[in-house]
PDB file of N, CA and C in Angstrom:
ATOM      1  N   UNK A   1      44.153 189.469 127.923  1.00  0.00           N
ATOM      2  CA  UNK A   1      45.516 188.797 128.115  1.00  0.00           C
ATOM      3  C   UNK A   1      46.391 189.922 128.342  1.00  0.00           C
ATOM      4  N   UNK A   2      47.326 189.827 129.719  1.00  0.00           N
ATOM      5  CA  UNK A   2      48.117 190.838 129.985  1.00  0.00           C
ATOM      6  C   UNK A   2      49.411 190.248 129.578  1.00  0.00           C
ATOM      7  N   UNK A   3      50.249 191.291 128.819  1.00  0.00           N
ATOM      8  CA  UNK A   3      51.599 190.964 128.121  1.00  0.00           C
ATOM      9  C   UNK A   3      52.340 192.124 128.778  1.00  0.00           C
ATOM     10  N   UNK A   4      53.855 191.758 129.143  1.00  0.00           N
ATOM     11  CA  UNK A   4      54.650 192.635 129.702  1.00  0.00           C
ATOM     12  C   UNK A   4      55.146 193.561 128.371  1.00  0.00           C
ATOM     13  N   UNK A   5      55.378 194.923 128.832  1.00  0.00           N
ATOM     14  CA  UNK A   5      55.594 195.915 127.678  1.00  0.00           C
ATOM     15  C   UNK A   5      56.733 195.767 126.667  1.00  0.00           C
ATOM     16  N   UNK A   6      57.810 194.893 127.481  1.00  0.00           N
ATOM     17  CA  UNK A   6      58.923 194.627 126.898  1.00  0.00           C
ATOM     18  C   UNK A   6      58.557 193.274 125.797  1.00  0.00           C
ATOM     19  N   UNK A   7      57.617 192.624 126.101  1.00  0.00           N
ATOM     20  CA  UNK A   7      57.502 191.586 125.116  1.00  0.00           C
ATOM     21  C   UNK A   7      57.143 192.045 123.763  1.00  0.00           C
ATOM     22  N   UNK A   8      57.614 191.403 122.812  1.00  0.00           N
ATOM     23  CA  UNK A   8      57.403 191.680 121.540  1.00  0.00           C
ATOM     24  C   UNK A   8      56.315 190.673 121.017  1.00  0.00           C
ATOM     25  N   UNK A   9      55.548 191.263 120.006  1.00  0.00           N
ATOM     26  CA  UNK A   9      54.689 190.230 119.370  1.00  0.00           C
ATOM     27  C   UNK A   9      54.898 189.902 118.102  1.00  0.00           C
ATOM     28  N   UNK A  10      55.069 188.600 117.532  1.00  0.00           N
ATOM     29  CA  UNK A  10      55.832 188.319 116.232  1.00  0.00           C
ATOM     30  C   UNK A  10      54.407 188.255 115.174  1.00  0.00           C
ATOM     31  N   UNK A  11      54.861 188.754 114.012  1.00  0.00           N
ATOM     32  CA  UNK A  11      53.645 188.414 113.230  1.00  0.00           C
ATOM     33  C   UNK A  11      53.776 186.926 112.731  1.00  0.00           C
ATOM     34  N   UNK A  12      52.598 186.366 112.087  1.00  0.00           N
ATOM     35  CA  UNK A  12      52.908 185.034 111.408  1.00  0.00           C
ATOM     36  C   UNK A  12      53.762 184.839 110.276  1.00  0.00           C
ATOM     37  N   UNK A  13      54.080 186.118 109.724  1.00  0.00           N
ATOM     38  CA  UNK A  13      55.282 185.738 108.441  1.00  0.00           C
ATOM     39  C   UNK A  13      56.730 185.845 109.346  1.00  0.00           C
ATOM     40  N   UNK A  14      56.813 186.728 110.307  1.00  0.00           N
ATOM     41  CA  UNK A  14      58.029 186.674 111.051  1.00  0.00           C
ATOM     42  C   UNK A  14      58.193 185.467 111.606  1.00  0.00           C
ATOM     43  N   UNK A  15      57.346 184.726 112.153  1.00  0.00           N
ATOM     44  CA  UNK A  15      57.121 183.413 112.655  1.00  0.00           C
ATOM     45  C   UNK A  15      57.715 182.449 112.137  1.00  0.00           C
ATOM     46  N   UNK A  16      57.069 182.388 110.716  1.00  0.00           N
ATOM     47  CA  UNK A  16      57.501 181.399 109.686  1.00  0.00           C
ATOM     48  C   UNK A  16      58.959 181.624 109.651  1.00  0.00           C
ATOM     49  N   UNK A  17      59.650 182.824 109.116  1.00  0.00           N
ATOM     50  CA  UNK A  17      60.662 182.776 108.613  1.00  0.00           C
ATOM     51  C   UNK A  17      61.803 182.687 109.807  1.00  0.00           C
ATOM     52  N   UNK A  18      61.543 182.860 111.074  1.00  0.00           N
ATOM     53  CA  UNK A  18      62.361 182.853 112.263  1.00  0.00           C
ATOM     54  C   UNK A  18      62.120 181.905 113.185  1.00  0.00           C
ATOM     55  N   UNK A  19      61.722 180.917 113.113  1.00  0.00           N
ATOM     56  CA  UNK A  19      61.365 179.911 113.994  1.00  0.00           C
ATOM     57  C   UNK A  19      62.290 179.627 114.957  1.00  0.00           C
ATOM     58  N   UNK A  20      63.439 179.432 114.379  1.00  0.00           N
ATOM     59  CA  UNK A  20      64.514 178.890 115.297  1.00  0.00           C
ATOM     60  C   UNK A  20      64.782 180.135 116.329  1.00  0.00           C
ATOM     61  N   UNK A  21      64.814 181.393 115.841  1.00  0.00           N
ATOM     62  CA  UNK A  21      65.120 182.189 116.748  1.00  0.00           C
ATOM     63  C   UNK A  21      63.922 182.482 117.866  1.00  0.00           C
ATOM     64  N   UNK A  22      62.630 182.082 117.472  1.00  0.00           N
ATOM     65  CA  UNK A  22      61.549 182.157 118.540  1.00  0.00           C
ATOM     66  C   UNK A  22      61.723 181.034 119.502  1.00  0.00           C
ATOM     67  N   UNK A  23      61.930 180.153 118.930  1.00  0.00           N
ATOM     68  CA  UNK A  23      62.506 178.943 120.020  1.00  0.00           C
ATOM     69  C   UNK A  23      63.268 179.141 121.006  1.00  0.00           C
ATOM     70  N   UNK A  24      64.536 179.868 120.530  1.00  0.00           N
ATOM     71  CA  UNK A  24      65.699 180.081 121.180  1.00  0.00           C
ATOM     72  C   UNK A  24      65.165 181.153 122.361  1.00  0.00           C
ATOM     73  N   UNK A  25      64.504 182.271 122.128  1.00  0.00           N
ATOM     74  CA  UNK A  25      64.064 183.270 122.751  1.00  0.00           C
ATOM     75  C   UNK A  25      63.256 182.782 123.763  1.00  0.00           C
ATOM     76  N   UNK A  26      62.181 181.654 123.333  1.00  0.00           N
ATOM     77  CA  UNK A  26      61.326 181.112 124.165  1.00  0.00           C
ATOM     78  C   UNK A  26      61.948 180.283 125.536  1.00  0.00           C
ATOM     79  N   UNK A  27      63.075 179.892 125.104  1.00  0.00           N
ATOM     80  CA  UNK A  27      63.840 178.997 126.076  1.00  0.00           C
ATOM     81  C   UNK A  27      64.695 180.039 126.956  1.00  0.00           C
ATOM     82  N   UNK A  28      65.123 180.883 126.153  1.00  0.00           N
ATOM     83  CA  UNK A  28      66.199 181.928 127.172  1.00  0.00           C
ATOM     84  C   UNK A  28      65.077 183.101 127.845  1.00  0.00           C
ATOM     85  N   UNK A  29      64.120 183.488 127.207  1.00  0.00           N
ATOM     86  CA  UNK A  29      63.409 184.825 127.799  1.00  0.00           C
ATOM     87  C   UNK A  29      62.348 184.579 128.378  1.00  0.00           C
ATOM     88  N   UNK A  30      61.574 183.530 127.648  1.00  0.00           N
ATOM     89  CA  UNK A  30      60.076 183.223 128.369  1.00  0.00           C
ATOM     90  C   UNK A  30      59.214 183.097 126.920  1.00  0.00           C
ATOM     91  N   UNK A  31      57.783 183.181 127.287  1.00  0.00           N
ATOM     92  CA  UNK A  31      57.001 183.134 126.250  1.00  0.00           C
ATOM     93  C   UNK A  31      57.055 183.928 125.212  1.00  0.00           C
ATOM     94  N   UNK A  32      57.052 183.521 123.963  1.00  0.00           N
ATOM     95  CA  UNK A  32      57.045 184.336 122.637  1.00  0.00           C
ATOM     96  C   UNK A  32      55.485 184.398 122.107  1.00  0.00           C
ATOM     97  N   UNK A  33      55.242 185.693 121.835  1.00  0.00           N
ATOM     98  CA  UNK A  33      53.724 185.779 121.238  1.00  0.00           C
ATOM     99  C   UNK A  33      53.631 186.029 119.898  1.00  0.00           C
ATOM    100  N   UNK A  34      52.622 185.340 119.341  1.00  0.00           N
ATOM    101  CA  UNK A  34      52.461 185.407 117.642  1.00  0.00           C
ATOM    102  C   UNK A  34      51.364 185.507 117.199  1.00  0.00           C
ATOM    103  N   UNK A  35      51.074 186.680 116.557  1.00  0.00           N
ATOM    104  CA  UNK A  35      49.663 186.755 116.066  1.00  0.00           C
ATOM    105  C   UNK A  35      49.111 187.910 116.484  1.00  0.00           C
ATOM    106  N   UNK A  36      47.965 188.602 115.827  1.00  0.00           N
ATOM    107  CA  UNK A  36      47.340 189.715 116.610  1.00  0.00           C
ATOM    108  C   UNK A  36      45.999 189.439 116.438  1.00  0.00           C
ATOM    109  N   UNK A  37      45.332 189.028 115.510  1.00  0.00           N
ATOM    110  CA  UNK A  37      44.031 188.630 115.162  1.00  0.00           C
ATOM    111  C   UNK A  37      43.627 187.513 115.998  1.00  0.00           C
ATOM    112  N   UNK A  38      44.667 186.471 115.998  1.00  0.00           N
ATOM    113  CA  UNK A  38      44.266 185.037 116.726  1.00  0.00           C
ATOM    114  C   UNK A  38      45.408 185.008 117.350  1.00  0.00           C
ATOM    115  N   UNK A  39      45.842 185.253 118.434  1.00  0.00           N
ATOM    116  CA  UNK A  39      47.099 185.330 119.061  1.00  0.00           C
ATOM    117  C   UNK A  39      47.491 183.530 119.693  1.00  0.00           C
ATOM    118  N   UNK A  40      48.699 183.662 119.589  1.00  0.00           N
ATOM    119  CA  UNK A  40      49.677 182.103 120.270  1.00  0.00           C
ATOM    120  C   UNK A  40      50.639 182.578 120.942  1.00  0.00           C
ATOM    121  N   UNK A  41      50.988 181.678 121.946  1.00  0.00           N
ATOM    122  CA  UNK A  41      52.067 181.660 122.724  1.00  0.00           C
ATOM    123  C   UNK A  41      52.940 180.651 122.479  1.00  0.00           C
ATOM    124  N   UNK A  42      54.309 180.689 122.294  1.00  0.00           N
ATOM    125  CA  UNK A  42      55.344 179.700 122.313  1.00  0.00           C
ATOM    126  C   UNK A  42      55.774 179.672 123.451  1.00  0.00           C
ATOM    127  N   UNK A  43      55.992 178.361 124.209  1.00  0.00           N
ATOM    128  CA  UNK A  43      57.083 178.399 125.494  1.00  0.00           C
ATOM    129  C   UNK A  43      57.342 176.810 125.270  1.00  0.00           C
ATOM    130  N   UNK A  44      58.540 176.789 125.976  1.00  0.00           N
ATOM    131  CA  UNK A  44      59.084 175.375 126.306  1.00  0.00           C
ATOM    132  C   UNK A  44      58.065 174.349 126.705  1.00  0.00           C
ATOM    133  N   UNK A  45      58.350 173.132 126.360  1.00  0.00           N
ATOM    134  CA  UNK A  45      57.453 172.044 126.769  1.00  0.00           C
ATOM    135  C   UNK A  45      57.475 172.206 128.380  1.00  0.00           C
ATOM    136  N   UNK A  46      58.969 172.025 128.854  1.00  0.00           N
ATOM    137  CA  UNK A  46      59.237 171.707 130.384  1.00  0.00           C
ATOM    138  C   UNK A  46      58.212 172.777 131.082  1.00  0.00           C
ATOM    139  N   UNK A  47      58.005 174.253 130.656  1.00  0.00           N
ATOM    140  CA  UNK A  47      57.088 175.255 131.183  1.00  0.00           C
ATOM    141  C   UNK A  47      55.737 174.721 131.084  1.00  0.00           C
ATOM    142  N   UNK A  48      55.272 174.586 130.042  1.00  0.00           N
ATOM    143  CA  UNK A  48      53.949 173.985 129.673  1.00  0.00           C
ATOM    144  C   UNK A  48      53.409 173.084 130.613  1.00  0.00           C
ATOM    145  N   UNK A  49      54.144 171.838 130.729  1.00  0.00           N
ATOM    146  CA  UNK A  49      53.473 170.842 131.174  1.00  0.00           C
ATOM    147  C   UNK A  49      53.807 171.053 132.870  1.00  0.00           C
ATOM    148  N   UNK A  50      54.932 171.624 133.349  1.00  0.00           N
ATOM    149  CA  UNK A  50      54.956 172.091 134.706  1.00  0.00           C
ATOM    150  C   UNK A  50      53.561 172.949 135.114  1.00  0.00           C
ATOM    151  N   UNK A  51      53.357 173.738 134.369  1.00  0.00           N
ATOM    152  CA  UNK A  51      52.146 174.682 134.630  1.00  0.00           C
ATOM    153  C   UNK A  51      50.651 174.444 134.311  1.00  0.00           C
ATOM    154  N   UNK A  52      50.527 173.421 133.444  1.00  0.00           N
ATOM    155  CA  UNK A  52      49.315 172.705 133.398  1.00  0.00           C
ATOM    156  C   UNK A  52      48.933 171.616 134.264  1.00  0.00           C
ATOM    157  N   UNK A  53      49.967 170.948 134.313  1.00  0.00           N
ATOM    158  CA  UNK A  53      49.647 169.726 135.797  1.00  0.00           C
ATOM    159  C   UNK A  53      50.869 168.978 135.600  1.00  0.00           C
ATOM    160  N   UNK A  54      51.151 168.266 136.752  1.00  0.00           N
ATOM    161  CA  UNK A  54      52.415 167.638 136.957  1.00  0.00           C
ATOM    162  C   UNK A  54      52.320 166.184 136.328  1.00  0.00           C
ATOM    163  N   UNK A  55      52.551 166.006 134.684  1.00  0.00           N
ATOM    164  CA  UNK A  55      52.286 164.963 134.005  1.00  0.00           C
ATOM    165  C   UNK A  55      53.707 164.639 133.077  1.00  0.00           C
ATOM    166  N   UNK A  56      53.850 163.712 132.649  1.00  0.00           N
ATOM    167  CA  UNK A  56      55.235 163.321 132.332  1.00  0.00           C
ATOM    168  C   UNK A  56      55.275 163.752 130.565  1.00  0.00           C
ATOM    169  N   UNK A  57      56.502 164.441 130.658  1.00  0.00           N
ATOM    170  CA  UNK A  57      56.874 164.555 128.865  1.00  0.00           C
ATOM    171  C   UNK A  57      56.701 163.212 128.344  1.00  0.00           C
ATOM    172  N   UNK A  58      56.526 163.256 126.962  1.00  0.00           N
ATOM    173  CA  UNK A  58      56.323 162.195 126.209  1.00  0.00           C
ATOM    174  C   UNK A  58      57.872 161.331 126.003  1.00  0.00           C
ATOM    175  N   UNK A  59      58.825 161.843 126.364  1.00  0.00           N
ATOM    176  CA  UNK A  59      60.110 160.904 126.548  1.00  0.00           C
ATOM    177  C   UNK A  59      60.462 160.127 127.777  1.00  0.00           C
ATOM    178  N   UNK A  60      59.638 160.646 128.949  1.00  0.00           N
ATOM    179  CA  UNK A  60      59.947 160.442 130.004  1.00  0.00           C
ATOM    180  C   UNK A  60      59.057 158.833 130.357  1.00  0.00           C
ATOM    181  N   UNK A  61      59.624 158.059 131.124  1.00  0.00           N
ATOM    182  CA  UNK A  61      59.007 156.835 131.285  1.00  0.00           C
ATOM    183  C   UNK A  61      57.953 156.701 132.293  1.00  0.00           C
ATOM    184  N   UNK A  62      56.689 156.058 132.040  1.00  0.00           N
ATOM    185  CA  UNK A  62      55.622 156.284 132.682  1.00  0.00           C
ATOM    186  C   UNK A  62      55.599 155.068 133.945  1.00  0.00           C
ATOM    187  N   UNK A  63      55.330 155.372 135.225  1.00  0.00           N
ATOM    188  CA  UNK A  63      55.271 154.377 136.253  1.00  0.00           C
ATOM    189  C   UNK A  63      54.079 153.574 136.404  1.00  0.00           C
ATOM    190  N   UNK A  64      53.288 153.814 135.721  1.00  0.00           N
ATOM    191  CA  UNK A  64      52.027 152.867 135.475  1.00  0.00           C
ATOM    192  C   UNK A  64      52.010 151.879 134.205  1.00  0.00           C
ATOM    193  N   UNK A  65      51.816 150.709 135.002  1.00  0.00           N
ATOM    194  CA  UNK A  65      51.763 149.723 133.842  1.00  0.00           C
ATOM    195  C   UNK A  65      51.016 149.670 132.912  1.00  0.00           C
ATOM    196  N   UNK A  66      51.140 149.120 131.750  1.00  0.00           N
ATOM    197  CA  UNK A  66      50.195 149.191 130.654  1.00  0.00           C
ATOM    198  C   UNK A  66      48.408 148.683 131.059  1.00  0.00           C
ATOM    199  N   UNK A  67      48.757 147.272 131.417  1.00  0.00           N
ATOM    200  CA  UNK A  67      47.675 146.774 132.005  1.00  0.00           C
ATOM    201  C   UNK A  67      46.817 147.452 133.083  1.00  0.00           C
ATOM    202  N   UNK A  68      47.289 148.318 133.980  1.00  0.00           N
ATOM    203  CA  UNK A  68      46.590 149.154 135.116  1.00  0.00           C
ATOM    204  C   UNK A  68      46.172 150.086 134.333  1.00  0.00           C
ATOM    205  N   UNK A  69      46.844 150.985 133.260  1.00  0.00           N
ATOM    206  CA  UNK A  69      46.404 151.932 132.591  1.00  0.00           C
ATOM    207  C   UNK A  69      45.110 151.783 131.733  1.00  0.00           C
ATOM    208  N   UNK A  70      45.311 150.751 131.332  1.00  0.00           N
ATOM    209  CA  UNK A  70      44.141 149.985 130.275  1.00  0.00           C
ATOM    210  C   UNK A  70      42.796 149.682 130.873  1.00  0.00           C
ATOM    211  N   UNK A  71      42.881 149.185 132.315  1.00  0.00           N
ATOM    212  CA  UNK A  71      41.702 148.887 133.114  1.00  0.00           C
ATOM    213  C   UNK A  71      41.253 150.254 133.612  1.00  0.00           C
ATOM    214  N   UNK A  72      42.017 151.091 133.995  1.00  0.00           N
ATOM    215  CA  UNK A  72      41.754 152.465 134.437  1.00  0.00           C
ATOM    216  C   UNK A  72      41.114 153.538 133.338  1.00  0.00           C
ATOM    217  N   UNK A  73      41.382 153.272 132.068  1.00  0.00           N
ATOM    218  CA  UNK A  73      40.871 153.946 131.133  1.00  0.00           C
ATOM    219  C   UNK A  73      40.039 153.301 130.005  1.00  0.00           C
ATOM    220  N   UNK A  74      39.566 152.289 130.507  1.00  0.00           N
ATOM    221  CA  UNK A  74      38.626 151.349 129.410  1.00  0.00           C
ATOM    222  C   UNK A  74      37.457 152.071 129.462  1.00  0.00           C
ATOM    223  N   UNK A  75      36.623 152.261 128.273  1.00  0.00           N
ATOM    224  CA  UNK A  75      35.177 152.757 128.250  1.00  0.00           C
ATOM    225  C   UNK A  75      34.345 151.912 129.103  1.00  0.00           C
ATOM    226  N   UNK A  76      33.172 152.551 129.569  1.00  0.00           N
ATOM    227  CA  UNK A  76      32.471 151.913 130.471  1.00  0.00           C
ATOM    228  C   UNK A  76      31.281 152.099 130.150  1.00  0.00           C
ATOM    229  N   UNK A  77      30.171 150.939 130.323  1.00  0.00           N
ATOM    230  CA  UNK A  77      28.622 151.133 129.740  1.00  0.00           C
ATOM    231  C   UNK A  77      28.727 150.357 128.441  1.00  0.00           C
ATOM    232  N   UNK A  78      29.698 149.910 127.790  1.00  0.00           N
ATOM    233  CA  UNK A  78      29.697 148.898 126.615  1.00  0.00           C
ATOM    234  C   UNK A  78      30.032 147.816 126.827  1.00  0.00           C
ATOM    235  N   UNK A  79      28.779 147.016 126.155  1.00  0.00           N
ATOM    236  CA  UNK A  79      28.500 145.468 126.419  1.00  0.00           C
ATOM    237  C   UNK A  79      29.250 144.979 125.103  1.00  0.00           C
ATOM    238  N   UNK A  80      30.177 144.139 125.057  1.00  0.00           N
ATOM    239  CA  UNK A  80      30.978 143.475 124.086  1.00  0.00           C
ATOM    240  C   UNK A  80      30.452 142.092 124.022  1.00  0.00           C
ATOM    241  N   UNK A  81      30.118 141.293 122.950  1.00  0.00           N
ATOM    242  CA  UNK A  81      29.836 140.028 122.860  1.00  0.00           C
ATOM    243  C   UNK A  81      30.902 139.259 122.342  1.00  0.00           C
ATOM    244  N   UNK A  82      31.431 138.451 123.388  1.00  0.00           N
ATOM    245  CA  UNK A  82      32.868 137.804 123.200  1.00  0.00           C
ATOM    246  C   UNK A  82      32.233 136.362 122.678  1.00  0.00           C
ATOM    247  N   UNK A  83      32.971 135.726 121.861  1.00  0.00           N
ATOM    248  CA  UNK A  83      32.849 134.214 121.204  1.00  0.00           C
ATOM    249  C   UNK A  83      32.688 133.460 122.480  1.00  0.00           C
ATOM    250  N   UNK A  84      32.551 132.250 122.384  1.00  0.00           N
ATOM    251  CA  UNK A  84      32.481 131.171 123.627  1.00  0.00           C
ATOM    252  C   UNK A  84      33.916 130.656 123.068  1.00  0.00           C
ATOM    253  N   UNK A  85      34.638 130.312 124.046  1.00  0.00           N
ATOM    254  CA  UNK A  85      35.911 129.550 124.052  1.00  0.00           C
ATOM    255  C   UNK A  85      35.902 128.286 123.426  1.00  0.00           C
ATOM    256  N   UNK A  86      34.618 127.608 123.669  1.00  0.00           N
ATOM    257  CA  UNK A  86      34.328 126.379 122.955  1.00  0.00           C
ATOM    258  C   UNK A  86      33.835 126.263 121.614  1.00  0.00           C
ATOM    259  N   UNK A  87      33.698 127.389 121.198  1.00  0.00           N
ATOM    260  CA  UNK A  87      33.448 127.428 119.598  1.00  0.00           C
ATOM    261  C   UNK A  87      34.350 126.770 118.711  1.00  0.00           C
ATOM    262  N   UNK A  88      34.102 126.113 117.538  1.00  0.00           N
ATOM    263  CA  UNK A  88      35.310 125.762 116.961  1.00  0.00           C
ATOM    264  C   UNK A  88      36.013 127.012 116.153  1.00  0.00           C
ATOM    265  N   UNK A  89      37.036 126.803 116.118  1.00  0.00           N
ATOM    266  CA  UNK A  89      38.107 127.921 115.522  1.00  0.00           C
ATOM    267  C   UNK A  89      37.530 128.489 114.139  1.00  0.00           C
ATOM    268  N   UNK A  90      37.580 129.656 114.029  1.00  0.00           N
ATOM    269  CA  UNK A  90      36.963 130.119 112.365  1.00  0.00           C
ATOM    270  C   UNK A  90      38.293 130.691 111.944  1.00  0.00           C
ATOM    271  N   UNK A  91      38.292 130.637 110.547  1.00  0.00           N
ATOM    272  CA  UNK A  91      39.432 131.106 109.798  1.00  0.00           C
ATOM    273  C   UNK A  91      39.451 132.892 109.888  1.00  0.00           C
ATOM    274  N   UNK A  92      40.526 133.024 109.894  1.00  0.00           N
ATOM    275  CA  UNK A  92      41.112 134.424 110.037  1.00  0.00           C
ATOM    276  C   UNK A  92      41.079 134.994 108.561  1.00  0.00           C
ATOM    277  N   UNK A  93      40.320 136.064 108.201  1.00  0.00           N
ATOM    278  CA  UNK A  93      40.460 136.580 107.104  1.00  0.00           C
ATOM    279  C   UNK A  93      41.524 137.165 106.856  1.00  0.00           C
ATOM    280  N   UNK A  94      42.022 137.065 105.460  1.00  0.00           N
ATOM    281  CA  UNK A  94      42.910 137.783 104.924  1.00  0.00           C
ATOM    282  C   UNK A  94      43.159 139.112 104.820  1.00  0.00           C
ATOM    283  N   UNK A  95      43.838 140.229 104.926  1.00  0.00           N
ATOM    284  CA  UNK A  95      43.599 141.310 104.912  1.00  0.00           C
ATOM    285  C   UNK A  95      43.476 141.893 103.199  1.00  0.00           C
ATOM    286  N   UNK A  96      44.498 141.395 102.509  1.00  0.00           N
ATOM    287  CA  UNK A  96      44.439 141.328 100.957  1.00  0.00           C
ATOM    288  C   UNK A  96      43.600 140.415 100.182  1.00  0.00           C
ATOM    289  N   UNK A  97      42.450 140.458 100.605  1.00  0.00           N
ATOM    290  CA  UNK A  97      41.478 139.221  99.987  1.00  0.00           C
ATOM    291  C   UNK A  97      40.995 139.890  98.532  1.00  0.00           C
ATOM    292  N   UNK A  98      41.208 141.112  98.355  1.00  0.00           N
ATOM    293  CA  UNK A  98      40.296 141.576  96.993  1.00  0.00           C
ATOM    294  C   UNK A  98      41.788 141.692  95.948  1.00  0.00           C
ATOM    295  N   UNK A  99      43.003 141.235  96.373  1.00  0.00           N
ATOM    296  CA  UNK A  99      44.051 141.351  95.572  1.00  0.00           C
ATOM    297  C   UNK A  99      44.583 139.835  95.008  1.00  0.00           C
ATOM    298  N   UNK A 100      43.697 138.671  95.450  1.00  0.00           N
ATOM    299  CA  UNK A 100      43.944 137.669  94.876  1.00  0.00           C
ATOM    300  C   UNK A 100      43.148 137.290  94.026  1.00  0.00           C
TER     301      UNK A 100
END
């Protein structure tokens, strides 16, 4: 993995003690590298999501309705046995039966 010569690599101990500074620098100067044996890179969420794929950030509203999303993402190949609507109603068990 190539990294610019001017880019510094933070140690894990430095990263723990100076997280605010790392986040500020990531927003201002770009990716911040942490660790040598097992390296990590800190980037702003907007940069990550823009690079990964055009998906929405968690705080942005989805344009897909929940029902449509459920239909598109439901597991396939699973046969569920649904009770008949004509069966008499069954009592609903209480969650805290052992406390009674």
